[in-house]
Amino acid sequence: MKQITTIILSFVFCSLIFAITARNLPSIPSDEINTYTSPPGLADPKAKAIMDSIYERYDEFKSLQVDMVYTTGYQDRYATDTIHGFRDGNKYRLEMPHQDVVHDGKKVWFYNKTSKEVYSKLSNPTELNFIYPTKALKSWESSFNYSIAGELDMGEQSFVRMLFVPKDSDITNVGSPEINLFIDKNNFQILKITFSQPDGYIHILDYQDFIPNIKFHPSLFEFDFS
């Protein structure tokens, strides 16, 4: 349980960017978020093959710009934020309505737009950082059981849903924490991630427009909140 708590806290923390999908992605229906067809167990060859294909696909992205929608809440009470993310190698920048985050390769800088306060911390290479999806996914593979939980067809596009639950968790328990990963079946890009906590609280990342492998001006990743 300590592992899932750490992962969820890392998710809520501002270095939460995960990866990219394609331009103008369709919305995944909400009734597909928390359902599953069979309990996850040790990864079968098909599930493992999908994970390996995701790693291969995301290794192609050396730099990127992405828009995301982050939703969090409980029952019928939800809050939504937009996130503009930029990544180039080990540097990144997140722009949110109330806060900006800049990683210059050595430090992570946080700027609160309301209070005008600035906070920084040294970069820790062992931290889960959702701007590097392969690191997060590999961590999930070691901490969770996972399976292919079904497919969803929406017109010309088909999506695969992967379900992850902690290895020490009982999937028959309604309060069991879980992660759902929605993937485009054609190109193995991630469309949506949902984190469901035991108390019913949920975090959702929807990935919107993105531009991969572009050249940014170096100043974008420098600390300057003036």
C-alpha atoms as a PDB file:
ATOM      1  CA  MET A   1       0.000   0.000   0.000  1.00  0.00           C
ATOM      2  CA  LYS A   2       2.948   2.310   0.651  1.00  0.00           C
ATOM      3  CA  GLN A   3       3.987   1.960  -3.015  1.00  0.00           C
ATOM      4  CA  ILE A   4       0.583   2.973  -4.384  1.00  0.00           C
ATOM      5  CA  THR A   5       0.440   5.929  -1.976  1.00  0.00           C
ATOM      6  CA  THR A   6       3.845   7.127  -3.145  1.00  0.00           C
ATOM      7  CA  ILE A   7       2.871   6.806  -6.788  1.00  0.00           C
ATOM      8  CA  ILE A   8      -0.398   8.695  -6.317  1.00  0.00           C
ATOM      9  CA  LEU A   9       1.320  11.452  -4.369  1.00  0.00           C
ATOM     10  CA  SER A  10       3.892  11.722  -7.150  1.00  0.00           C
ATOM     11  CA  PHE A  11       1.026  11.964  -9.608  1.00  0.00           C
ATOM     12  CA  VAL A  12      -0.647  14.799  -7.683  1.00  0.00           C
ATOM     13  CA  PHE A  13       2.670  16.614  -7.361  1.00  0.00           C
ATOM     14  CA  CYS A  14       3.372  19.182 -10.026  1.00  0.00           C
ATOM     15  CA  SER A  15       5.904  17.135 -11.957  1.00  0.00           C
ATOM     16  CA  LEU A  16       3.015  15.010 -13.192  1.00  0.00           C
ATOM     17  CA  ILE A  17       3.322  15.159 -16.962  1.00  0.00           C
ATOM     18  CA  PHE A  18       3.162  11.762 -18.580  1.00  0.00           C
ATOM     19  CA  ALA A  19       3.416  11.325 -22.304  1.00  0.00           C
ATOM     20  CA  ILE A  20       1.757  12.278 -25.510  1.00  0.00           C
ATOM     21  CA  THR A  21      -0.818  10.927 -27.839  1.00  0.00           C
ATOM     22  CA  ALA A  22      -1.987  12.445 -31.101  1.00  0.00           C
ATOM     23  CA  ARG A  23      -3.626  15.684 -32.161  1.00  0.00           C
ATOM     24  CA  ASN A  24      -7.318  16.232 -31.386  1.00  0.00           C
ATOM     25  CA  LEU A  25      -7.799  12.989 -29.476  1.00  0.00           C
ATOM     26  CA  PRO A  26     -11.318  11.739 -28.857  1.00  0.00           C
ATOM     27  CA  SER A  27     -12.665  11.614 -25.318  1.00  0.00           C
ATOM     28  CA  ILE A  28     -12.841   8.187 -23.700  1.00  0.00           C
ATOM     29  CA  PRO A  29     -16.342   7.627 -22.238  1.00  0.00           C
ATOM     30  CA  SER A  30     -16.441   7.955 -18.446  1.00  0.00           C
ATOM     31  CA  ASP A  31     -18.231   4.635 -18.047  1.00  0.00           C
ATOM     32  CA  GLU A  32     -15.091   2.900 -19.366  1.00  0.00           C
ATOM     33  CA  ILE A  33     -12.889   4.258 -16.580  1.00  0.00           C
ATOM     34  CA  ASN A  34     -13.384   1.841 -13.697  1.00  0.00           C
ATOM     35  CA  THR A  35     -14.754  -1.330 -15.261  1.00  0.00           C
ATOM     36  CA  TYR A  36     -12.726  -4.428 -16.000  1.00  0.00           C
ATOM     37  CA  THR A  37     -13.301  -7.777 -17.631  1.00  0.00           C
ATOM     38  CA  SER A  38     -10.967  -9.987 -15.576  1.00  0.00           C
ATOM     39  CA  PRO A  39      -8.614  -9.590 -12.612  1.00  0.00           C
ATOM     40  CA  PRO A  40      -5.032  -8.682 -13.520  1.00  0.00           C
ATOM     41  CA  GLY A  41      -2.447 -11.333 -12.809  1.00  0.00           C
ATOM     42  CA  LEU A  42       1.098 -11.934 -13.882  1.00  0.00           C
ATOM     43  CA  ALA A  43       1.538 -10.282 -17.274  1.00  0.00           C
ATOM     44  CA  ASP A  44       0.643 -12.563 -20.149  1.00  0.00           C
ATOM     45  CA  PRO A  45       2.609 -12.356 -23.428  1.00  0.00           C
ATOM     46  CA  LYS A  46       0.007 -10.113 -25.103  1.00  0.00           C
ATOM     47  CA  ALA A  47      -0.016  -7.608 -22.244  1.00  0.00           C
ATOM     48  CA  LYS A  48       3.776  -7.610 -22.070  1.00  0.00           C
ATOM     49  CA  ALA A  49       3.995  -7.080 -25.835  1.00  0.00           C
ATOM     50  CA  ILE A  50       1.806  -3.977 -25.565  1.00  0.00           C
ATOM     51  CA  MET A  51       4.004  -2.557 -22.804  1.00  0.00           C
ATOM     52  CA  ASP A  52       7.129  -3.162 -24.891  1.00  0.00           C
ATOM     53  CA  SER A  53       5.500  -1.462 -27.878  1.00  0.00           C
ATOM     54  CA  ILE A  54       4.676   1.578 -25.723  1.00  0.00           C
ATOM     55  CA  TYR A  55       8.325   1.824 -24.631  1.00  0.00           C
ATOM     56  CA  GLU A  56       9.484   1.649 -28.235  1.00  0.00           C
ATOM     57  CA  ARG A  57       6.997   4.285 -29.367  1.00  0.00           C
ATOM     58  CA  TYR A  58       7.826   6.788 -26.642  1.00  0.00           C
ATOM     59  CA  ASP A  59      11.561   6.418 -27.128  1.00  0.00           C
ATOM     60  CA  GLU A  60      10.983   8.194 -30.454  1.00  0.00           C
ATOM     61  CA  PHE A  61      10.042  11.432 -28.641  1.00  0.00           C
ATOM     62  CA  LYS A  62      13.169  13.486 -27.870  1.00  0.00           C
ATOM     63  CA  SER A  63      11.302  16.765 -27.398  1.00  0.00           C
ATOM     64  CA  LEU A  64       7.634  17.651 -27.351  1.00  0.00           C
ATOM     65  CA  GLN A  65       4.898  20.132 -26.612  1.00  0.00           C
ATOM     66  CA  VAL A  66       1.595  18.865 -25.229  1.00  0.00           C
ATOM     67  CA  ASP A  67      -1.721  20.111 -23.839  1.00  0.00           C
ATOM     68  CA  MET A  68      -3.437  18.081 -21.132  1.00  0.00           C
ATOM     69  CA  VAL A  69      -6.574  18.231 -19.030  1.00  0.00           C
ATOM     70  CA  TYR A  70      -6.170  17.130 -15.414  1.00  0.00           C
ATOM     71  CA  THR A  71      -9.336  16.227 -13.516  1.00  0.00           C
ATOM     72  CA  THR A  72      -9.468  15.241  -9.865  1.00  0.00           C
ATOM     73  CA  GLY A  73     -12.315  14.733  -7.438  1.00  0.00           C
ATOM     74  CA  TYR A  74     -14.689  12.497  -5.529  1.00  0.00           C
ATOM     75  CA  GLN A  75     -18.174  11.313  -6.522  1.00  0.00           C
ATOM     76  CA  ASP A  76     -19.858  14.293  -8.232  1.00  0.00           C
ATOM     77  CA  ARG A  77     -17.365  16.932  -7.049  1.00  0.00           C
ATOM     78  CA  TYR A  78     -14.594  17.454  -9.587  1.00  0.00           C
ATOM     79  CA  ALA A  79     -12.048  20.134 -10.408  1.00  0.00           C
ATOM     80  CA  THR A  80     -10.364  20.486 -13.778  1.00  0.00           C
ATOM     81  CA  ASP A  81      -7.122  22.206 -14.758  1.00  0.00           C
ATOM     82  CA  THR A  82      -5.402  22.667 -18.077  1.00  0.00           C
ATOM     83  CA  ILE A  83      -1.678  21.977 -18.366  1.00  0.00           C
ATOM     84  CA  HIS A  84       0.673  23.112 -21.121  1.00  0.00           C
ATOM     85  CA  GLY A  85       3.800  20.987 -21.088  1.00  0.00           C
ATOM     86  CA  PHE A  86       7.151  21.289 -22.833  1.00  0.00           C
ATOM     87  CA  ARG A  87      10.005  18.797 -22.754  1.00  0.00           C
ATOM     88  CA  ASP A  88      13.486  18.721 -24.236  1.00  0.00           C
ATOM     89  CA  GLY A  89      15.749  15.929 -23.015  1.00  0.00           C
ATOM     90  CA  ASN A  90      15.855  16.100 -19.219  1.00  0.00           C
ATOM     91  CA  LYS A  91      14.443  19.640 -19.119  1.00  0.00           C
ATOM     92  CA  TYR A  92      10.759  20.478 -18.935  1.00  0.00           C
ATOM     93  CA  ARG A  93       8.270  23.239 -18.269  1.00  0.00           C
ATOM     94  CA  LEU A  94       4.667  23.030 -17.027  1.00  0.00           C
ATOM     95  CA  GLU A  95       2.289  25.980 -17.286  1.00  0.00           C
ATOM     96  CA  MET A  96      -0.915  25.808 -15.226  1.00  0.00           C
ATOM     97  CA  PRO A  97      -3.552  28.392 -14.271  1.00  0.00           C
ATOM     98  CA  HIS A  98      -2.127  28.928 -10.787  1.00  0.00           C
ATOM     99  CA  GLN A  99       1.435  27.654 -11.004  1.00  0.00           C
ATOM    100  CA  ASP A 100       4.395  27.238 -13.347  1.00  0.00           C
ATOM    101  CA  VAL A 101       7.082  24.581 -12.955  1.00  0.00           C
ATOM    102  CA  VAL A 102      10.480  24.692 -14.676  1.00  0.00           C
ATOM    103  CA  HIS A 103      13.152  22.005 -14.612  1.00  0.00           C
ATOM    104  CA  ASP A 104      16.419  23.427 -15.921  1.00  0.00           C
ATOM    105  CA  GLY A 105      18.304  20.135 -15.783  1.00  0.00           C
ATOM    106  CA  LYS A 106      19.622  20.696 -12.251  1.00  0.00           C
ATOM    107  CA  LYS A 107      16.779  22.133 -10.191  1.00  0.00           C
ATOM    108  CA  VAL A 108      12.997  22.115 -10.293  1.00  0.00           C
ATOM    109  CA  TRP A 109      11.502  25.598  -9.797  1.00  0.00           C
ATOM    110  CA  PHE A 110       7.905  26.229  -8.689  1.00  0.00           C
ATOM    111  CA  TYR A 111       6.212  29.600  -9.063  1.00  0.00           C
ATOM    112  CA  ASN A 112       2.858  30.315  -7.394  1.00  0.00           C
ATOM    113  CA  LYS A 113       1.114  32.871  -9.591  1.00  0.00           C
ATOM    114  CA  THR A 114      -1.231  33.993  -6.802  1.00  0.00           C
ATOM    115  CA  SER A 115       1.223  34.532  -3.951  1.00  0.00           C
ATOM    116  CA  LYS A 116       4.203  35.266  -6.255  1.00  0.00           C
ATOM    117  CA  GLU A 117       6.236  32.826  -4.158  1.00  0.00           C
ATOM    118  CA  VAL A 118       9.092  30.791  -5.616  1.00  0.00           C
ATOM    119  CA  TYR A 119      10.255  27.404  -4.373  1.00  0.00           C
ATOM    120  CA  SER A 120      13.001  25.127  -5.719  1.00  0.00           C
ATOM    121  CA  LYS A 121      14.467  21.718  -5.041  1.00  0.00           C
ATOM    122  CA  LEU A 122      17.352  19.727  -6.462  1.00  0.00           C
ATOM    123  CA  SER A 123      16.467  17.282  -9.206  1.00  0.00           C
ATOM    124  CA  ASN A 124      16.301  13.667  -8.019  1.00  0.00           C
ATOM    125  CA  PRO A 125      16.848  11.129 -10.823  1.00  0.00           C
ATOM    126  CA  THR A 126      15.184   8.368  -8.766  1.00  0.00           C
ATOM    127  CA  GLU A 127      11.849  10.184  -8.513  1.00  0.00           C
ATOM    128  CA  LEU A 128       8.938   9.081 -10.624  1.00  0.00           C
ATOM    129  CA  ASN A 129       8.406  11.823 -13.151  1.00  0.00           C
ATOM    130  CA  PHE A 130       5.550  11.515 -15.601  1.00  0.00           C
ATOM    131  CA  ILE A 131       7.372  13.518 -18.212  1.00  0.00           C
ATOM    132  CA  TYR A 132       9.400  10.322 -18.779  1.00  0.00           C
ATOM    133  CA  PRO A 133       6.744   7.665 -19.390  1.00  0.00           C
ATOM    134  CA  THR A 134       9.004   4.641 -19.712  1.00  0.00           C
ATOM    135  CA  LYS A 135      10.378   5.159 -16.200  1.00  0.00           C
ATOM    136  CA  ALA A 136       6.866   5.339 -14.750  1.00  0.00           C
ATOM    137  CA  LEU A 137       5.599   2.351 -16.710  1.00  0.00           C
ATOM    138  CA  LYS A 138       8.554   0.184 -15.718  1.00  0.00           C
ATOM    139  CA  SER A 139       7.934   1.103 -12.093  1.00  0.00           C
ATOM    140  CA  TRP A 140       4.314   0.049 -12.481  1.00  0.00           C
ATOM    141  CA  GLU A 141       5.387  -3.257 -13.971  1.00  0.00           C
ATOM    142  CA  SER A 142       7.406  -4.050 -10.847  1.00  0.00           C
ATOM    143  CA  SER A 143       4.743  -2.859  -8.367  1.00  0.00           C
ATOM    144  CA  PHE A 144       1.472  -3.876 -10.041  1.00  0.00           C
ATOM    145  CA  ASN A 145      -0.185  -6.825 -11.663  1.00  0.00           C
ATOM    146  CA  TYR A 146      -1.648  -5.821 -15.014  1.00  0.00           C
ATOM    147  CA  SER A 147      -3.703  -7.175 -17.856  1.00  0.00           C
ATOM    148  CA  ILE A 148      -5.509  -6.205 -21.034  1.00  0.00           C
ATOM    149  CA  ALA A 149      -8.932  -5.278 -19.664  1.00  0.00           C
ATOM    150  CA  GLY A 150     -10.668  -4.960 -23.009  1.00  0.00           C
ATOM    151  CA  GLU A 151     -10.906  -2.933 -26.186  1.00  0.00           C
ATOM    152  CA  LEU A 152     -13.017   0.067 -27.135  1.00  0.00           C
ATOM    153  CA  ASP A 153     -13.983   0.906 -30.714  1.00  0.00           C
ATOM    154  CA  MET A 154     -14.838   4.521 -31.571  1.00  0.00           C
ATOM    155  CA  GLY A 155     -15.385   4.865 -35.290  1.00  0.00           C
ATOM    156  CA  GLU A 156     -12.117   4.425 -37.161  1.00  0.00           C
ATOM    157  CA  GLN A 157     -10.059   4.234 -33.950  1.00  0.00           C
ATOM    158  CA  SER A 158      -9.613   1.301 -31.581  1.00  0.00           C
ATOM    159  CA  PHE A 159      -8.287   1.572 -28.057  1.00  0.00           C
ATOM    160  CA  VAL A 160      -6.894  -0.928 -25.577  1.00  0.00           C
ATOM    161  CA  ARG A 161      -7.460  -0.533 -21.853  1.00  0.00           C
ATOM    162  CA  MET A 162      -4.769  -1.835 -19.498  1.00  0.00           C
ATOM    163  CA  LEU A 163      -5.668  -2.316 -15.841  1.00  0.00           C
ATOM    164  CA  PHE A 164      -3.049  -2.167 -13.059  1.00  0.00           C
ATOM    165  CA  VAL A 165      -3.642  -3.137  -9.413  1.00  0.00           C
ATOM    166  CA  PRO A 166      -1.047  -3.457  -6.612  1.00  0.00           C
ATOM    167  CA  LYS A 167       0.364  -6.956  -6.309  1.00  0.00           C
ATOM    168  CA  ASP A 168      -0.770  -7.171  -2.667  1.00  0.00           C
ATOM    169  CA  SER A 169      -4.298  -5.951  -3.457  1.00  0.00           C
ATOM    170  CA  ASP A 170      -7.478  -7.978  -3.799  1.00  0.00           C
ATOM    171  CA  ILE A 171      -9.241  -6.948  -7.023  1.00  0.00           C
ATOM    172  CA  THR A 172     -12.552  -8.251  -5.626  1.00  0.00           C
ATOM    173  CA  ASN A 173     -12.423  -5.489  -3.014  1.00  0.00           C
ATOM    174  CA  VAL A 174     -14.448  -2.520  -4.269  1.00  0.00           C
ATOM    175  CA  GLY A 175     -12.010  -0.166  -2.548  1.00  0.00           C
ATOM    176  CA  SER A 176      -8.946  -1.582  -4.249  1.00  0.00           C
ATOM    177  CA  PRO A 177      -6.697   1.110  -5.797  1.00  0.00           C
ATOM    178  CA  GLU A 178      -6.145   0.821  -9.535  1.00  0.00           C
ATOM    179  CA  ILE A 179      -4.688   2.491 -12.592  1.00  0.00           C
ATOM    180  CA  ASN A 180      -6.331   2.407 -16.019  1.00  0.00           C
ATOM    181  CA  LEU A 181      -4.196   3.074 -19.072  1.00  0.00           C
ATOM    182  CA  PHE A 182      -6.015   3.779 -22.354  1.00  0.00           C
ATOM    183  CA  ILE A 183      -3.865   3.212 -25.460  1.00  0.00           C
ATOM    184  CA  ASP A 184      -4.397   3.781 -29.164  1.00  0.00           C
ATOM    185  CA  LYS A 185      -4.253   0.275 -30.627  1.00  0.00           C
ATOM    186  CA  ASN A 186      -2.776   1.508 -33.910  1.00  0.00           C
ATOM    187  CA  ASN A 187       0.264   3.428 -32.641  1.00  0.00           C
ATOM    188  CA  PHE A 188       0.594   2.464 -28.938  1.00  0.00           C
ATOM    189  CA  GLN A 189       0.244   6.046 -27.753  1.00  0.00           C
ATOM    190  CA  ILE A 190      -1.396   6.840 -24.425  1.00  0.00           C
ATOM    191  CA  LEU A 191      -4.752   8.643 -24.520  1.00  0.00           C
ATOM    192  CA  LYS A 192      -5.836   8.692 -20.891  1.00  0.00           C
ATOM    193  CA  ILE A 193      -4.618   7.658 -17.446  1.00  0.00           C
ATOM    194  CA  THR A 194      -6.931   7.242 -14.464  1.00  0.00           C
ATOM    195  CA  PHE A 195      -5.840   6.696 -10.854  1.00  0.00           C
ATOM    196  CA  SER A 196      -8.565   5.457  -8.488  1.00  0.00           C
ATOM    197  CA  GLN A 197      -7.784   5.593  -4.766  1.00  0.00           C
ATOM    198  CA  PRO A 198      -9.372   3.293  -2.156  1.00  0.00           C
ATOM    199  CA  ASP A 199     -11.527   6.150  -0.785  1.00  0.00           C
ATOM    200  CA  GLY A 200     -13.087   6.740  -4.218  1.00  0.00           C
ATOM    201  CA  TYR A 201     -10.959   9.775  -5.080  1.00  0.00           C
ATOM    202  CA  ILE A 202      -9.890   9.757  -8.713  1.00  0.00           C
ATOM    203  CA  HIS A 203      -7.235  11.523 -10.804  1.00  0.00           C
ATOM    204  CA  ILE A 204      -7.581  11.643 -14.598  1.00  0.00           C
ATOM    205  CA  LEU A 205      -5.145  12.851 -17.244  1.00  0.00           C
ATOM    206  CA  ASP A 206      -6.534  13.389 -20.744  1.00  0.00           C
ATOM    207  CA  TYR A 207      -3.946  14.078 -23.426  1.00  0.00           C
ATOM    208  CA  GLN A 208      -4.818  16.594 -26.130  1.00  0.00           C
ATOM    209  CA  ASP A 209      -2.784  18.247 -28.907  1.00  0.00           C
ATOM    210  CA  PHE A 210       0.907  17.558 -29.138  1.00  0.00           C
ATOM    211  CA  ILE A 211       3.889  18.357 -31.354  1.00  0.00           C
ATOM    212  CA  PRO A 212       6.875  15.972 -31.081  1.00  0.00           C
ATOM    213  CA  ASN A 213      10.556  16.457 -31.827  1.00  0.00           C
ATOM    214  CA  ILE A 214      10.616  20.238 -32.189  1.00  0.00           C
ATOM    215  CA  LYS A 215      13.357  22.715 -31.337  1.00  0.00           C
ATOM    216  CA  PHE A 216      12.698  25.027 -28.376  1.00  0.00           C
ATOM    217  CA  HIS A 217      14.501  28.229 -27.484  1.00  0.00           C
ATOM    218  CA  PRO A 218      16.802  27.453 -24.494  1.00  0.00           C
ATOM    219  CA  SER A 219      15.243  30.264 -22.437  1.00  0.00           C
ATOM    220  CA  LEU A 220      12.009  28.252 -22.159  1.00  0.00           C
ATOM    221  CA  PHE A 221      13.693  25.987 -19.608  1.00  0.00           C
ATOM    222  CA  GLU A 222      15.479  28.690 -17.646  1.00  0.00           C
ATOM    223  CA  PHE A 223      14.255  29.993 -14.289  1.00  0.00           C
ATOM    224  CA  ASP A 224      12.714  33.414 -14.904  1.00  0.00           C
ATOM    225  CA  PHE A 225       9.331  34.183 -13.344  1.00  0.00           C
ATOM    226  CA  SER A 226       9.654  37.932 -13.554  1.00  0.00           C
END
